[in-house]
C-alpha atoms as a PDB file:
ATOM      1  CA  MET A   1      -1.027  17.001 -12.508  1.00  0.00           C
ATOM      2  CA  ARG A   2      -3.531  14.304 -11.218  1.00  0.00           C
ATOM      3  CA  ARG A   3      -2.155  12.124  -8.783  1.00  0.00           C
ATOM      4  CA  LEU A   4      -4.574   9.695  -8.790  1.00  0.00           C
ATOM      5  CA  VAL A   5      -4.442   6.700 -11.229  1.00  0.00           C
ATOM      6  CA  PHE A   6      -6.645   3.918  -9.848  1.00  0.00           C
ATOM      7  CA  ALA A   7      -9.709   3.402  -7.863  1.00  0.00           C
ATOM      8  CA  VAL A   8      -7.956   0.978  -5.237  1.00  0.00           C
ATOM      9  CA  ALA A   9     -10.078  -2.832  -4.804  1.00  0.00           C
ATOM     10  CA  THR A  10      -7.129  -4.070  -2.321  1.00  0.00           C
ATOM     11  CA  LEU A  11      -6.519  -7.515  -1.826  1.00  0.00           C
ATOM     12  CA  ALA A  12      -4.444  -9.234   0.852  1.00  0.00           C
ATOM     13  CA  ALA A  13      -0.808  -8.570   1.532  1.00  0.00           C
ATOM     14  CA  PRO A  14       1.793 -10.774   0.551  1.00  0.00           C
ATOM     15  CA  ALA A  15       4.570 -11.863   2.200  1.00  0.00           C
ATOM     16  CA  ILE A  16       7.026  -8.881   1.309  1.00  0.00           C
ATOM     17  CA  ALA A  17      10.617  -9.544   0.934  1.00  0.00           C
ATOM     18  CA  GLN A  18      12.264  -7.813   3.994  1.00  0.00           C
ATOM     19  CA  GLY A  19      16.141  -6.624   4.504  1.00  0.00           C
ATOM     20  CA  ALA A  20      18.759  -5.842   1.263  1.00  0.00           C
ATOM     21  CA  LYS A  21      16.427  -8.026  -0.774  1.00  0.00           C
ATOM     22  CA  PRO A  22      15.715  -6.594  -4.640  1.00  0.00           C
ATOM     23  CA  VAL A  23      11.804  -6.135  -4.855  1.00  0.00           C
ATOM     24  CA  THR A  24       9.935  -7.241  -8.607  1.00  0.00           C
ATOM     25  CA  LEU A  25       7.482  -5.089  -9.493  1.00  0.00           C
ATOM     26  CA  SER A  26       4.563  -5.612 -13.181  1.00  0.00           C
ATOM     27  CA  VAL A  27       1.999  -3.710 -14.167  1.00  0.00           C
ATOM     28  CA  HIS A  28      -0.364  -5.367 -16.217  1.00  0.00           C
ATOM     29  CA  LEU A  29      -3.821  -5.154 -18.530  1.00  0.00           C
ATOM     30  CA  LEU A  30      -6.509  -7.835 -17.057  1.00  0.00           C
ATOM     31  CA  THR A  31      -7.553  -9.579 -20.684  1.00  0.00           C
ATOM     32  CA  ALA A  32      -9.635 -12.221 -22.085  1.00  0.00           C
ATOM     33  CA  CYS A  33      -7.451 -15.763 -21.339  1.00  0.00           C
ATOM     34  CA  SER A  34      -6.479 -16.804 -24.333  1.00  0.00           C
ATOM     35  CA  THR A  35      -3.179 -19.065 -25.475  1.00  0.00           C
ATOM     36  CA  THR A  36      -0.924 -16.231 -24.657  1.00  0.00           C
ATOM     37  CA  ALA A  37      -2.599 -14.926 -21.338  1.00  0.00           C
ATOM     38  CA  THR A  38      -3.162 -17.661 -19.390  1.00  0.00           C
ATOM     39  CA  VAL A  39      -2.406 -16.291 -15.385  1.00  0.00           C
ATOM     40  CA  LYS A  40      -6.082 -16.296 -13.990  1.00  0.00           C
ATOM     41  CA  VAL A  41      -7.017 -13.147 -11.993  1.00  0.00           C
ATOM     42  CA  LYS A  42     -10.356 -12.615 -10.119  1.00  0.00           C
ATOM     43  CA  THR A  43     -12.019  -9.398  -9.923  1.00  0.00           C
ATOM     44  CA  SER A  44     -15.188  -7.933  -9.220  1.00  0.00           C
ATOM     45  CA  GLY A  45     -16.151  -8.287 -12.895  1.00  0.00           C
ATOM     46  CA  GLY A  46     -15.032 -11.804 -13.083  1.00  0.00           C
ATOM     47  CA  ALA A  47     -11.555 -14.142 -13.586  1.00  0.00           C
ATOM     48  CA  GLN A  48      -9.634 -12.443 -15.905  1.00  0.00           C
ATOM     49  CA  CYS A  49      -6.002 -13.023 -16.709  1.00  0.00           C
ATOM     50  CA  LEU A  50      -3.119 -10.683 -17.250  1.00  0.00           C
ATOM     51  CA  ASP A  51      -1.375  -9.134 -20.416  1.00  0.00           C
ATOM     52  CA  PRO A  52       1.955 -11.415 -20.726  1.00  0.00           C
ATOM     53  CA  ASN A  53       3.641  -8.998 -21.036  1.00  0.00           C
ATOM     54  CA  PRO A  54       3.483  -5.691 -18.664  1.00  0.00           C
ATOM     55  CA  PHE A  55       3.339  -2.312 -18.959  1.00  0.00           C
ATOM     56  CA  LEU A  56       5.658  -0.754 -15.985  1.00  0.00           C
ATOM     57  CA  THR A  57       8.101  -2.855 -14.259  1.00  0.00           C
ATOM     58  CA  GLN A  58      10.716  -2.112 -10.647  1.00  0.00           C
ATOM     59  CA  GLN A  59      13.174  -1.046 -13.418  1.00  0.00           C
ATOM     60  CA  ASP A  60      11.035   2.246 -14.901  1.00  0.00           C
ATOM     61  CA  VAL A  61      10.279   3.616 -10.918  1.00  0.00           C
ATOM     62  CA  GLN A  62      12.294   6.929 -10.598  1.00  0.00           C
ATOM     63  CA  SER A  63      11.129   7.085  -6.792  1.00  0.00           C
ATOM     64  CA  ALA A  64       9.025   5.828  -3.892  1.00  0.00           C
ATOM     65  CA  GLU A  65       7.726   7.388  -0.809  1.00  0.00           C
ATOM     66  CA  VAL A  66       4.821   6.024   2.039  1.00  0.00           C
ATOM     67  CA  GLN A  67       2.003   8.063   1.436  1.00  0.00           C
ATOM     68  CA  LYS A  68      -1.371   8.229   3.500  1.00  0.00           C
ATOM     69  CA  ASN A  69      -4.774   7.683   1.667  1.00  0.00           C
ATOM     70  CA  SER A  70      -8.139   9.108   2.239  1.00  0.00           C
ATOM     71  CA  LYS A  71      -8.504   7.479   5.576  1.00  0.00           C
ATOM     72  CA  GLY A  72      -5.007   7.500   6.951  1.00  0.00           C
ATOM     73  CA  ASN A  73      -3.554   4.373   5.861  1.00  0.00           C
ATOM     74  CA  SER A  74      -0.359   4.048   4.020  1.00  0.00           C
ATOM     75  CA  ILE A  75       0.764   3.378   0.757  1.00  0.00           C
ATOM     76  CA  ILE A  76       2.764   2.824  -1.603  1.00  0.00           C
ATOM     77  CA  PHE A  77       3.861   6.138  -4.863  1.00  0.00           C
ATOM     78  CA  LEU A  78       5.732   5.590  -7.588  1.00  0.00           C
ATOM     79  CA  THR A  79       6.598   8.214  -9.756  1.00  0.00           C
ATOM     80  CA  PHE A  80       8.182   6.657 -12.956  1.00  0.00           C
ATOM     81  CA  HIS A  81      11.345   7.700 -15.467  1.00  0.00           C
ATOM     82  CA  ASN A  82      10.084  10.103 -17.801  1.00  0.00           C
ATOM     83  CA  ASP A  83       9.631   7.419 -20.736  1.00  0.00           C
ATOM     84  CA  ALA A  84       7.875   4.884 -18.593  1.00  0.00           C
ATOM     85  CA  ALA A  85       5.524   7.625 -16.888  1.00  0.00           C
ATOM     86  CA  MET A  86       4.503   8.817 -20.577  1.00  0.00           C
ATOM     87  CA  ARG A  87       3.612   4.877 -21.417  1.00  0.00           C
ATOM     88  CA  GLU A  88       1.512   4.378 -18.367  1.00  0.00           C
ATOM     89  CA  LEU A  89      -0.381   7.880 -19.511  1.00  0.00           C
ATOM     90  CA  GLN A  90      -1.043   6.381 -22.768  1.00  0.00           C
ATOM     91  CA  ILE A  91      -1.961   3.143 -21.509  1.00  0.00           C
ATOM     92  CA  THR A  92      -4.117   4.523 -18.732  1.00  0.00           C
ATOM     93  CA  ARG A  93      -5.688   7.241 -21.180  1.00  0.00           C
ATOM     94  CA  GLN A  94      -6.668   3.970 -23.560  1.00  0.00           C
ATOM     95  CA  ASN A  95      -7.836   1.760 -20.494  1.00  0.00           C
ATOM     96  CA  ILE A  96      -9.886   4.286 -18.669  1.00  0.00           C
ATOM     97  CA  GLY A  97     -12.737   1.992 -16.879  1.00  0.00           C
ATOM     98  CA  LYS A  98     -10.705  -0.958 -17.212  1.00  0.00           C
ATOM     99  CA  PRO A  99      -8.660  -3.212 -14.696  1.00  0.00           C
ATOM    100  CA  VAL A 100      -5.030  -3.427 -14.363  1.00  0.00           C
ATOM    101  CA  ALA A 101      -2.795  -5.835 -11.602  1.00  0.00           C
ATOM    102  CA  ILE A 102      -0.349  -4.813  -9.606  1.00  0.00           C
ATOM    103  CA  VAL A 103       1.787  -7.768  -9.017  1.00  0.00           C
ATOM    104  CA  LEU A 104       4.851  -7.011  -6.726  1.00  0.00           C
ATOM    105  CA  ASN A 105       7.173 -10.020  -5.736  1.00  0.00           C
ATOM    106  CA  GLY A 106       5.149 -12.360  -7.940  1.00  0.00           C
ATOM    107  CA  ARG A 107       1.921 -11.733  -6.069  1.00  0.00           C
ATOM    108  CA  LEU A 108      -1.227 -10.263  -6.923  1.00  0.00           C
ATOM    109  CA  VAL A 109      -1.676  -6.777  -4.203  1.00  0.00           C
ATOM    110  CA  SER A 110      -4.305  -4.701  -6.345  1.00  0.00           C
ATOM    111  CA  ALA A 111      -6.129  -5.248  -9.385  1.00  0.00           C
ATOM    112  CA  PRO A 112      -7.488  -1.757  -9.833  1.00  0.00           C
ATOM    113  CA  VAL A 113      -9.968  -0.171 -11.928  1.00  0.00           C
ATOM    114  CA  VAL A 114      -8.598   2.893 -14.215  1.00  0.00           C
ATOM    115  CA  ALA A 115     -10.143   5.895 -13.259  1.00  0.00           C
ATOM    116  CA  ALA A 116      -7.924   8.097 -15.084  1.00  0.00           C
ATOM    117  CA  ALA A 117      -5.132   9.218 -16.760  1.00  0.00           C
ATOM    118  CA  SER A 118      -2.234   9.626 -15.082  1.00  0.00           C
ATOM    119  CA  ARG A 119       2.021   9.626 -15.286  1.00  0.00           C
ATOM    120  CA  PHE A 120       2.284   8.512 -11.386  1.00  0.00           C
ATOM    121  CA  LEU A 121       0.931   4.991  -9.359  1.00  0.00           C
ATOM    122  CA  TYR A 122      -0.582   4.312  -6.066  1.00  0.00           C
ATOM    123  CA  ILE A 123       0.003   0.787  -4.707  1.00  0.00           C
ATOM    124  CA  ALA A 124      -2.945   0.317  -1.457  1.00  0.00           C
ATOM    125  CA  SER A 125      -2.831  -2.947   0.565  1.00  0.00           C
ATOM    126  CA  ASP A 126      -3.128  -4.824   3.827  1.00  0.00           C
ATOM    127  CA  PHE A 127       0.024  -3.942   3.620  1.00  0.00           C
ATOM    128  CA  LYS A 128       1.866  -3.991   7.576  1.00  0.00           C
ATOM    129  CA  GLN A 129       3.842  -0.705   8.460  1.00  0.00           C
ATOM    130  CA  ASP A 130       7.518  -2.983   8.491  1.00  0.00           C
ATOM    131  CA  GLN A 131       6.066  -3.988   4.569  1.00  0.00           C
ATOM    132  CA  ILE A 132       5.535  -0.702   3.222  1.00  0.00           C
ATOM    133  CA  SER A 133       8.925   0.859   4.383  1.00  0.00           C
ATOM    134  CA  ALA A 134      10.852  -2.704   2.585  1.00  0.00           C
ATOM    135  CA  VAL A 135       9.229  -2.312  -0.346  1.00  0.00           C
ATOM    136  CA  VAL A 136       9.362   1.216  -0.747  1.00  0.00           C
ATOM    137  CA  ALA A 137      13.371   1.238   0.614  1.00  0.00           C
ATOM    138  CA  ALA A 138      14.289  -2.148  -1.762  1.00  0.00           C
ATOM    139  CA  LEU A 139      12.458   0.554  -4.896  1.00  0.00           C
ATOM    140  CA  ASN A 140      15.092   3.335  -3.878  1.00  0.00           C
ATOM    141  CA  ARG A 141      17.861   0.981  -3.357  1.00  0.00           C
ATOM    142  CA  GLN A 142      17.191  -0.453  -7.146  1.00  0.00           C
ATOM    143  CA  ALA A 143      16.633   3.151  -8.382  1.00  0.00           C
ATOM    144  CA  GLY A 144      19.991   4.224  -7.217  1.00  0.00           C
ATOM    145  CA  ASN A 145      17.619   6.095  -4.693  1.00  0.00           C
ATOM    146  CA  ARG A 146      19.650   5.974  -1.577  1.00  0.00           C
END
C-alpha cells in the first residue's frame, strides 16, 4: 500500500489545543469561490475556497501517530476507519494534481496538492513537538485509543 498522499505545502502552525481538549479536523477539496463556497484559501495556484462539505473529519480517524518525514521533521500520520479510508481513496484518485485544505481547530494548517490516491493522510506544518503530541493524543483519545 502507498502511504504518501500529498505533496505538502507547509503553512504556519496554529495554536493547537493542549491537554485533554478535543481536536477538530476537516479535510476539504478546494474549489472556485461561489455562493456556497465562501471561505477563501491562498495557495501557490492562487485564491480558492473550501468546499463547504469536508470529505474527512476527526470522527473518521482510527488512529494517529507521530512520524518523521525525509527531512527528519515530525509529522502527524492518520489512519482512517475503513469507510473513510475508502472515501479518501476514491476522492484522492479523482483529484490528483488538485489542492486540498487540512484544517485543525478551525485553522488552515496545510494546503497540499494530491500527489497520488491513498487511504492515509500525513499532516505536515510548522508544528512544535508539544503541539504534535497534543494533537496526536487528542485524536487517539477521541478515537478511543488510549
